C-alpha atoms as a PDB file:
ATOM      1  CA  MET A   1     -63.268 -25.707  28.659  1.00  0.00           C
ATOM      2  CA  ARG A   2     -65.188 -27.895  28.402  1.00  0.00           C
ATOM      3  CA  TRP A   3     -67.935 -26.107  28.322  1.00  0.00           C
ATOM      4  CA  LEU A   4     -66.782 -24.010  24.704  1.00  0.00           C
ATOM      5  CA  GLY A   5     -67.689 -26.993  22.835  1.00  0.00           C
ATOM      6  CA  ALA A   6     -71.653 -27.098  23.800  1.00  0.00           C
ATOM      7  CA  ALA A   7     -71.948 -22.742  23.615  1.00  0.00           C
ATOM      8  CA  LEU A   8     -75.125 -21.417  21.921  1.00  0.00           C
ATOM      9  CA  LEU A   9     -74.042 -20.617  18.615  1.00  0.00           C
ATOM     10  CA  ILE A  10     -75.185 -17.365  16.651  1.00  0.00           C
ATOM     11  CA  LEU A  11     -74.682 -17.170  12.843  1.00  0.00           C
ATOM     12  CA  VAL A  12     -75.166 -13.719  11.443  1.00  0.00           C
ATOM     13  CA  PRO A  13     -74.450 -13.814   7.613  1.00  0.00           C
ATOM     14  CA  GLY A  14     -74.246 -11.087   5.853  1.00  0.00           C
ATOM     15  CA  CYS A  15     -76.614 -10.424   3.236  1.00  0.00           C
ATOM     16  CA  ALA A  16     -79.234 -11.462   6.493  1.00  0.00           C
ATOM     17  CA  ARG A  17     -81.821  -8.969   7.570  1.00  0.00           C
ATOM     18  CA  ARG A  18     -83.930  -9.885  10.711  1.00  0.00           C
ATOM     19  CA  ALA A  19     -86.990  -9.120  12.658  1.00  0.00           C
ATOM     20  CA  PRO A  20     -86.393  -6.654  15.438  1.00  0.00           C
ATOM     21  CA  SER A  21     -86.804  -9.282  17.596  1.00  0.00           C
ATOM     22  CA  THR A  22     -86.104 -12.555  16.369  1.00  0.00           C
ATOM     23  CA  PRO A  23     -87.191 -15.843  18.238  1.00  0.00           C
ATOM     24  CA  LEU A  24     -84.149 -18.177  18.295  1.00  0.00           C
ATOM     25  CA  ALA A  25     -85.732 -21.032  19.416  1.00  0.00           C
ATOM     26  CA  THR A  26     -88.553 -22.390  18.478  1.00  0.00           C
ATOM     27  CA  ASN A  27     -89.744 -25.080  20.509  1.00  0.00           C
ATOM     28  CA  ALA A  28     -89.333 -23.564  23.598  1.00  0.00           C
ATOM     29  CA  ARG A  29     -88.991 -25.914  27.275  1.00  0.00           C
ATOM     30  CA  THR A  30     -91.669 -24.540  30.223  1.00  0.00           C
ATOM     31  CA  SER A  31     -90.237 -27.674  32.484  1.00  0.00           C
ATOM     32  CA  CYS A  32     -88.537 -25.716  34.845  1.00  0.00           C
ATOM     33  CA  THR A  33     -89.405 -21.432  33.842  1.00  0.00           C
ATOM     34  CA  ALA A  34     -92.094 -21.735  36.435  1.00  0.00           C
ATOM     35  CA  SER A  35     -89.713 -23.047  39.391  1.00  0.00           C
ATOM     36  CA  PRO A  36     -86.997 -21.480  40.029  1.00  0.00           C
ATOM     37  CA  SER A  37     -84.277 -22.487  42.438  1.00  0.00           C
ATOM     38  CA  PRO A  38     -83.419 -20.032  45.770  1.00  0.00           C
ATOM     39  CA  ASP A  39     -80.258 -21.235  45.261  1.00  0.00           C
ATOM     40  CA  ALA A  40     -77.598 -18.666  44.378  1.00  0.00           C
ATOM     41  CA  THR A  41     -75.102 -21.061  43.123  1.00  0.00           C
ATOM     42  CA  VAL A  42     -73.891 -20.934  39.250  1.00  0.00           C
ATOM     43  CA  TYR A  43     -73.669 -24.125  37.463  1.00  0.00           C
ATOM     44  CA  ASP A  44     -71.242 -25.350  34.624  1.00  0.00           C
ATOM     45  CA  THR A  45     -73.214 -25.999  31.376  1.00  0.00           C
ATOM     46  CA  THR A  46     -72.007 -29.964  31.993  1.00  0.00           C
ATOM     47  CA  GLN A  47     -73.563 -29.875  35.703  1.00  0.00           C
ATOM     48  CA  VAL A  48     -77.268 -28.966  34.533  1.00  0.00           C
ATOM     49  CA  THR A  49     -79.654 -31.102  32.770  1.00  0.00           C
ATOM     50  CA  LYS A  50     -80.895 -28.859  30.363  1.00  0.00           C
ATOM     51  CA  LYS A  51     -78.742 -25.888  29.291  1.00  0.00           C
ATOM     52  CA  PRO A  52     -80.603 -22.450  28.624  1.00  0.00           C
ATOM     53  CA  VAL A  53     -81.059 -21.712  25.057  1.00  0.00           C
ATOM     54  CA  ALA A  54     -81.328 -17.926  23.716  1.00  0.00           C
ATOM     55  CA  VAL A  55     -85.053 -17.744  22.683  1.00  0.00           C
ATOM     56  CA  SER A  56     -85.165 -14.244  21.591  1.00  0.00           C
ATOM     57  CA  GLY A  57     -82.510 -11.493  20.513  1.00  0.00           C
ATOM     58  CA  PRO A  58     -82.788  -7.804  19.713  1.00  0.00           C
ATOM     59  CA  GLN A  59     -81.599  -7.877  15.424  1.00  0.00           C
ATOM     60  CA  MET A  60     -77.802  -7.951  14.593  1.00  0.00           C
ATOM     61  CA  PRO A  61     -77.196  -6.541  11.883  1.00  0.00           C
ATOM     62  CA  TYR A  62     -73.202  -7.067  10.125  1.00  0.00           C
ATOM     63  CA  PRO A  63     -70.885  -4.166  10.661  1.00  0.00           C
ATOM     64  CA  ASP A  64     -71.272  -2.508   7.121  1.00  0.00           C
ATOM     65  CA  GLN A  65     -68.323  -1.419   6.445  1.00  0.00           C
ATOM     66  CA  LEU A  66     -66.905  -4.949   7.656  1.00  0.00           C
ATOM     67  CA  ARG A  67     -69.524  -6.398   5.583  1.00  0.00           C
ATOM     68  CA  GLN A  68     -68.411  -4.687   2.196  1.00  0.00           C
ATOM     69  CA  GLN A  69     -64.526  -5.046   2.950  1.00  0.00           C
ATOM     70  CA  GLY A  70     -65.034  -9.219   2.824  1.00  0.00           C
ATOM     71  CA  ILE A  71     -64.781  -8.782   6.422  1.00  0.00           C
ATOM     72  CA  ASN A  72     -65.507 -12.100   8.722  1.00  0.00           C
ATOM     73  CA  GLY A  73     -65.832 -12.176  12.850  1.00  0.00           C
ATOM     74  CA  HIS A  74     -65.807 -14.408  15.595  1.00  0.00           C
ATOM     75  CA  VAL A  75     -67.156 -13.031  19.049  1.00  0.00           C
ATOM     76  CA  VAL A  76     -67.067 -15.408  22.060  1.00  0.00           C
ATOM     77  CA  LEU A  77     -68.583 -14.921  25.294  1.00  0.00           C
ATOM     78  CA  ALA A  78     -68.940 -15.644  28.425  1.00  0.00           C
ATOM     79  CA  VAL A  79     -71.907 -14.719  30.056  1.00  0.00           C
ATOM     80  CA  THR A  80     -74.275 -16.255  33.651  1.00  0.00           C
ATOM     81  CA  ILE A  81     -78.339 -16.993  32.383  1.00  0.00           C
ATOM     82  CA  ASN A  82     -79.687 -16.427  35.917  1.00  0.00           C
ATOM     83  CA  ALA A  83     -82.959 -18.484  37.166  1.00  0.00           C
ATOM     84  CA  ASP A  84     -85.474 -16.465  35.110  1.00  0.00           C
ATOM     85  CA  GLY A  85     -83.870 -16.452  31.601  1.00  0.00           C
ATOM     86  CA  ASN A  86     -82.204 -12.851  31.946  1.00  0.00           C
ATOM     87  CA  VAL A  87     -78.493 -12.160  31.435  1.00  0.00           C
ATOM     88  CA  ASP A  88     -76.194 -11.151  34.560  1.00  0.00           C
ATOM     89  CA  GLY A  89     -75.526  -8.528  33.177  1.00  0.00           C
ATOM     90  CA  GLN A  90     -71.859  -8.336  35.621  1.00  0.00           C
ATOM     91  CA  SER A  91     -71.061 -11.283  34.787  1.00  0.00           C
ATOM     92  CA  VAL A  92     -70.489 -10.537  31.090  1.00  0.00           C
ATOM     93  CA  THR A  93     -66.540 -11.163  29.796  1.00  0.00           C
ATOM     94  CA  VAL A  94     -65.398 -11.014  26.282  1.00  0.00           C
ATOM     95  CA  LEU A  95     -63.340 -14.469  26.014  1.00  0.00           C
ATOM     96  CA  TRP A  96     -61.886 -14.104  22.235  1.00  0.00           C
ATOM     97  CA  ARG A  97     -63.124 -11.057  19.464  1.00  0.00           C
ATOM     98  CA  ASP A  98     -61.709 -10.425  16.026  1.00  0.00           C
ATOM     99  CA  ARG A  99     -62.463  -6.680  15.927  1.00  0.00           C
ATOM    100  CA  PRO A 100     -63.836  -3.889  18.629  1.00  0.00           C
ATOM    101  CA  GLU A 101     -66.919  -3.210  16.031  1.00  0.00           C
ATOM    102  CA  PHE A 102     -67.900  -7.327  16.159  1.00  0.00           C
ATOM    103  CA  GLU A 103     -67.671  -7.674  20.091  1.00  0.00           C
ATOM    104  CA  ARG A 104     -70.018  -4.346  19.946  1.00  0.00           C
ATOM    105  CA  GLU A 105     -73.021  -6.064  18.427  1.00  0.00           C
ATOM    106  CA  ALA A 106     -72.401  -9.611  20.100  1.00  0.00           C
ATOM    107  CA  LEU A 107     -73.129  -7.038  23.418  1.00  0.00           C
ATOM    108  CA  ARG A 108     -75.480  -5.749  22.080  1.00  0.00           C
ATOM    109  CA  TRP A 109     -78.037  -8.791  21.109  1.00  0.00           C
ATOM    110  CA  LEU A 110     -76.872  -9.996  24.699  1.00  0.00           C
ATOM    111  CA  ARG A 111     -78.357  -7.214  26.663  1.00  0.00           C
ATOM    112  CA  GLY A 112     -81.783  -7.733  25.021  1.00  0.00           C
ATOM    113  CA  ALA A 113     -81.486 -11.195  25.013  1.00  0.00           C
ATOM    114  CA  GLN A 114     -84.130 -13.415  26.921  1.00  0.00           C
ATOM    115  CA  PHE A 115     -83.453 -17.250  27.194  1.00  0.00           C
ATOM    116  CA  MET A 116     -84.727 -20.145  28.745  1.00  0.00           C
ATOM    117  CA  PRO A 117     -83.242 -20.886  32.235  1.00  0.00           C
ATOM    118  CA  GLY A 118     -80.991 -24.159  32.395  1.00  0.00           C
ATOM    119  CA  CYS A 119     -82.176 -26.406  35.192  1.00  0.00           C
ATOM    120  CA  ILE A 120     -81.945 -28.986  37.095  1.00  0.00           C
ATOM    121  CA  GLY A 121     -83.982 -31.552  39.358  1.00  0.00           C
ATOM    122  CA  GLY A 122     -87.536 -29.617  38.102  1.00  0.00           C
ATOM    123  CA  ASN A 123     -85.556 -25.419  38.934  1.00  0.00           C
ATOM    124  CA  ALA A 124     -84.078 -22.916  37.255  1.00  0.00           C
ATOM    125  CA  VAL A 125     -80.915 -22.882  38.700  1.00  0.00           C
ATOM    126  CA  ARG A 126     -77.760 -19.619  37.047  1.00  0.00           C
ATOM    127  CA  VAL A 127     -75.707 -21.271  34.334  1.00  0.00           C
ATOM    128  CA  ARG A 128     -72.169 -19.783  33.091  1.00  0.00           C
ATOM    129  CA  MET A 129     -71.850 -20.708  29.720  1.00  0.00           C
ATOM    130  CA  ALA A 130     -70.035 -19.111  26.542  1.00  0.00           C
ATOM    131  CA  LEU A 131     -71.750 -17.747  23.640  1.00  0.00           C
ATOM    132  CA  PRO A 132     -69.828 -17.755  20.320  1.00  0.00           C
ATOM    133  CA  PHE A 133     -71.071 -15.505  17.601  1.00  0.00           C
ATOM    134  CA  ASP A 134     -70.407 -15.696  13.814  1.00  0.00           C
ATOM    135  CA  TRP A 135     -70.470 -13.478  10.873  1.00  0.00           C
ATOM    136  CA  ARG A 136     -69.121 -14.670   7.775  1.00  0.00           C
ATOM    137  CA  VAL A 137     -69.622 -12.177   3.721  1.00  0.00           C
ATOM    138  CA  LYS A 138     -71.786 -14.860   1.458  1.00  0.00           C
ATOM    139  CA  SER A 139     -69.588 -14.811  -1.107  1.00  0.00           C
END
C-alpha cells in the first residue's frame, strides 16, 4: 500500500533510555489543530495536505530478554488518528510483528501517544496511517 512508505518511523535503540514522556516532533505545527472538521470521513495519508505527526509518547523500552539475546524487532500498526490528535483505539490493527513482546510495547506506546492531526484545507481531519516501529540492538 502506498501509505506505508509515508508512515512515521519510530526507532528504539537497544541501549537508549527515554524520559517517561518523550517529545518526538520538535517543531509542532498548529495550522489546523484549532479547526477540526465536523466531517467524520477517514482519509488516507495520500489525500491530506498535512499528515499526522507524533508529538509525544510514553517511554518505549526494549524488552530486556530480547535485547540480551541480540534480537531485533519490527512491528507495523495501522491506526486512525482523530481530528483532535488522539488515537482511535478501536481502529488499531497489527499489520506485522516479529514477536509478541515487541507488539505489546508498540501498542502500549500508541495508547499514550499524542499526535498533531492531519489536515485538509486548513481543517483537522481523521487520517488512517501505518506506523512502523523498529528495535535494533546496538553493536
